[in-house]
C-alpha atoms as a PDB file:
ATOM      1  CA  MET A   1       6.821 -14.931  12.174  1.00  0.00           C
ATOM      2  CA  THR A   2       8.089 -14.529   8.633  1.00  0.00           C
ATOM      3  CA  GLY A   3       8.318 -11.191   6.867  1.00  0.00           C
ATOM      4  CA  VAL A   4       5.311 -12.098   4.723  1.00  0.00           C
ATOM      5  CA  GLU A   5       3.265 -12.929   7.837  1.00  0.00           C
ATOM      6  CA  LEU A   6       4.302  -9.590   9.325  1.00  0.00           C
ATOM      7  CA  LEU A   7       3.093  -7.759   6.228  1.00  0.00           C
ATOM      8  CA  ARG A   8      -0.217  -9.638   6.299  1.00  0.00           C
ATOM      9  CA  ARG A   9      -0.667  -8.492   9.879  1.00  0.00           C
ATOM     10  CA  ALA A  10       0.341  -4.931   8.945  1.00  0.00           C
ATOM     11  CA  LYS A  11      -2.321  -4.979   6.211  1.00  0.00           C
ATOM     12  CA  ARG A  12      -4.984  -5.959   8.749  1.00  0.00           C
ATOM     13  CA  LEU A  13      -3.876  -3.299  11.244  1.00  0.00           C
ATOM     14  CA  TYR A  14      -3.013  -0.531   8.755  1.00  0.00           C
ATOM     15  CA  PRO A  15      -4.847  -1.258   5.485  1.00  0.00           C
ATOM     16  CA  ASP A  16      -3.987   2.103   3.919  1.00  0.00           C
ATOM     17  CA  THR A  17      -0.232   1.484   3.944  1.00  0.00           C
ATOM     18  CA  LEU A  18       1.766   0.290   0.961  1.00  0.00           C
ATOM     19  CA  ARG A  19       3.995  -2.628   1.835  1.00  0.00           C
ATOM     20  CA  LEU A  20       7.190  -3.350  -0.103  1.00  0.00           C
ATOM     21  CA  VAL A  21       9.390  -6.407   0.296  1.00  0.00           C
ATOM     22  CA  LEU A  22      13.126  -6.429  -0.338  1.00  0.00           C
ATOM     23  CA  SER A  23      14.269  -9.978   0.076  1.00  0.00           C
ATOM     24  CA  GLY A  24      16.660 -12.669  -0.920  1.00  0.00           C
ATOM     25  CA  ASP A  25      14.179 -15.296   0.236  1.00  0.00           C
ATOM     26  CA  SER A  26      13.378 -17.780  -2.470  1.00  0.00           C
ATOM     27  CA  GLU A  27      10.039 -18.870  -1.007  1.00  0.00           C
ATOM     28  CA  LEU A  28       8.169 -17.588  -4.052  1.00  0.00           C
ATOM     29  CA  GLN A  29       4.835 -19.291  -3.379  1.00  0.00           C
ATOM     30  CA  SER A  30       4.401 -17.512  -0.059  1.00  0.00           C
ATOM     31  CA  ILE A  31       5.365 -14.171  -1.607  1.00  0.00           C
ATOM     32  CA  THR A  32       3.117 -14.740  -4.632  1.00  0.00           C
ATOM     33  CA  ASP A  33       0.184 -15.587  -2.364  1.00  0.00           C
ATOM     34  CA  ALA A  34       0.790 -12.454  -0.291  1.00  0.00           C
ATOM     35  CA  ILE A  35       0.940 -10.290  -3.427  1.00  0.00           C
ATOM     36  CA  ASN A  36      -2.272 -11.834  -4.771  1.00  0.00           C
ATOM     37  CA  GLU A  37      -4.134 -11.154  -1.526  1.00  0.00           C
ATOM     38  CA  GLY A  38      -2.865  -7.577  -1.409  1.00  0.00           C
ATOM     39  CA  ALA A  39      -0.576  -7.926   1.606  1.00  0.00           C
ATOM     40  CA  ILE A  40       2.404  -6.864  -0.514  1.00  0.00           C
ATOM     41  CA  TYR A  41       2.409  -4.004  -3.019  1.00  0.00           C
ATOM     42  CA  LYS A  42       5.830  -4.683  -4.553  1.00  0.00           C
ATOM     43  CA  PHE A  43       8.489  -7.344  -4.253  1.00  0.00           C
ATOM     44  CA  LEU A  44      12.116  -6.724  -5.166  1.00  0.00           C
ATOM     45  CA  ALA A  45      14.533  -9.634  -5.033  1.00  0.00           C
ATOM     46  CA  LYS A  46      18.223  -9.486  -4.235  1.00  0.00           C
ATOM     47  CA  PRO A  47      20.285  -8.170  -5.756  1.00  0.00           C
ATOM     48  CA  TRP A  48      18.139  -5.130  -6.491  1.00  0.00           C
ATOM     49  CA  ASP A  49      19.265  -2.184  -8.525  1.00  0.00           C
ATOM     50  CA  ASN A  50      19.460   1.037  -6.486  1.00  0.00           C
ATOM     51  CA  VAL A  51      18.029   3.102  -9.344  1.00  0.00           C
ATOM     52  CA  GLN A  52      15.087   0.700  -9.624  1.00  0.00           C
ATOM     53  CA  LEU A  53      14.607   0.727  -5.854  1.00  0.00           C
ATOM     54  CA  ARG A  54      14.474   4.534  -5.748  1.00  0.00           C
ATOM     55  CA  ALA A  55      12.011   4.550  -8.658  1.00  0.00           C
ATOM     56  CA  GLN A  56       9.772   2.032  -6.868  1.00  0.00           C
ATOM     57  CA  LEU A  57       9.888   4.091  -3.665  1.00  0.00           C
ATOM     58  CA  ARG A  58       8.996   7.278  -5.576  1.00  0.00           C
ATOM     59  CA  GLU A  59       6.074   5.455  -7.202  1.00  0.00           C
ATOM     60  CA  ALA A  60       4.859   4.136  -3.844  1.00  0.00           C
ATOM     61  CA  LEU A  61       5.048   7.604  -2.285  1.00  0.00           C
ATOM     62  CA  ALA A  62       3.163   9.129  -5.229  1.00  0.00           C
ATOM     63  CA  LEU A  63       0.428   6.484  -4.948  1.00  0.00           C
ATOM     64  CA  THR A  64       0.186   7.097  -1.213  1.00  0.00           C
ATOM     65  CA  GLU A  65      -0.197  10.821  -1.814  1.00  0.00           C
ATOM     66  CA  ILE A  66      -2.959  10.213  -4.381  1.00  0.00           C
ATOM     67  CA  ALA A  67      -4.778   7.847  -1.996  1.00  0.00           C
ATOM     68  CA  ASP A  68      -4.530  10.406   0.829  1.00  0.00           C
ATOM     69  CA  GLN A  69      -5.886  13.127  -1.444  1.00  0.00           C
ATOM     70  CA  ASN A  70      -8.776  10.856  -2.529  1.00  0.00           C
ATOM     71  CA  ARG A  71      -9.667  10.213   1.121  1.00  0.00           C
ATOM     72  CA  ARG A  72      -9.616  13.961   1.869  1.00  0.00           C
ATOM     73  CA  LEU A  73     -11.776  14.746  -1.154  1.00  0.00           C
ATOM     74  CA  HIS A  74     -14.208  11.979  -0.223  1.00  0.00           C
ATOM     75  CA  GLN A  75     -14.533  13.434   3.270  1.00  0.00           C
ATOM     76  CA  GLU A  76     -15.069  16.940   1.869  1.00  0.00           C
ATOM     77  CA  LEU A  77     -17.791  15.600  -0.438  1.00  0.00           C
ATOM     78  CA  GLN A  78     -19.531  13.847   2.450  1.00  0.00           C
ATOM     79  CA  ASN A  79     -19.400  17.046   4.505  1.00  0.00           C
ATOM     80  CA  ALA A  80     -20.777  19.114   1.599  1.00  0.00           C
ATOM     81  CA  ASN A  81     -23.607  16.626   1.077  1.00  0.00           C
ATOM     82  CA  ARG A  82     -24.422  16.697   4.783  1.00  0.00           C
ATOM     83  CA  ASP A  83     -24.506  20.521   4.664  1.00  0.00           C
ATOM     84  CA  LEU A  84     -26.834  20.433   1.652  1.00  0.00           C
ATOM     85  CA  VAL A  85     -29.235  18.100   3.434  1.00  0.00           C
ATOM     86  CA  THR A  86     -29.441  20.461   6.404  1.00  0.00           C
ATOM     87  CA  LEU A  87     -30.262  23.396   4.074  1.00  0.00           C
ATOM     88  CA  THR A  88     -33.313  21.655   2.598  1.00  0.00           C
END
């Protein structure tokens, strides 16, 4: 199993995760396909810059936090709507 295949499987099993690839692999078509289908969030090729890598990780963590907050708010809204229905 290649790394790209692993990330495709991870997307199926854990769709809410962000998947980053750090690779020296030059198989660009496979990576491009995986990015286009959403299996990979970001791809950084060797040699990567440590400052850029840290920035990408910060961005990914911020996006994950926003997505988690959106899920919580969505659940709160559903609960509030359910409570309103029971009051009428």
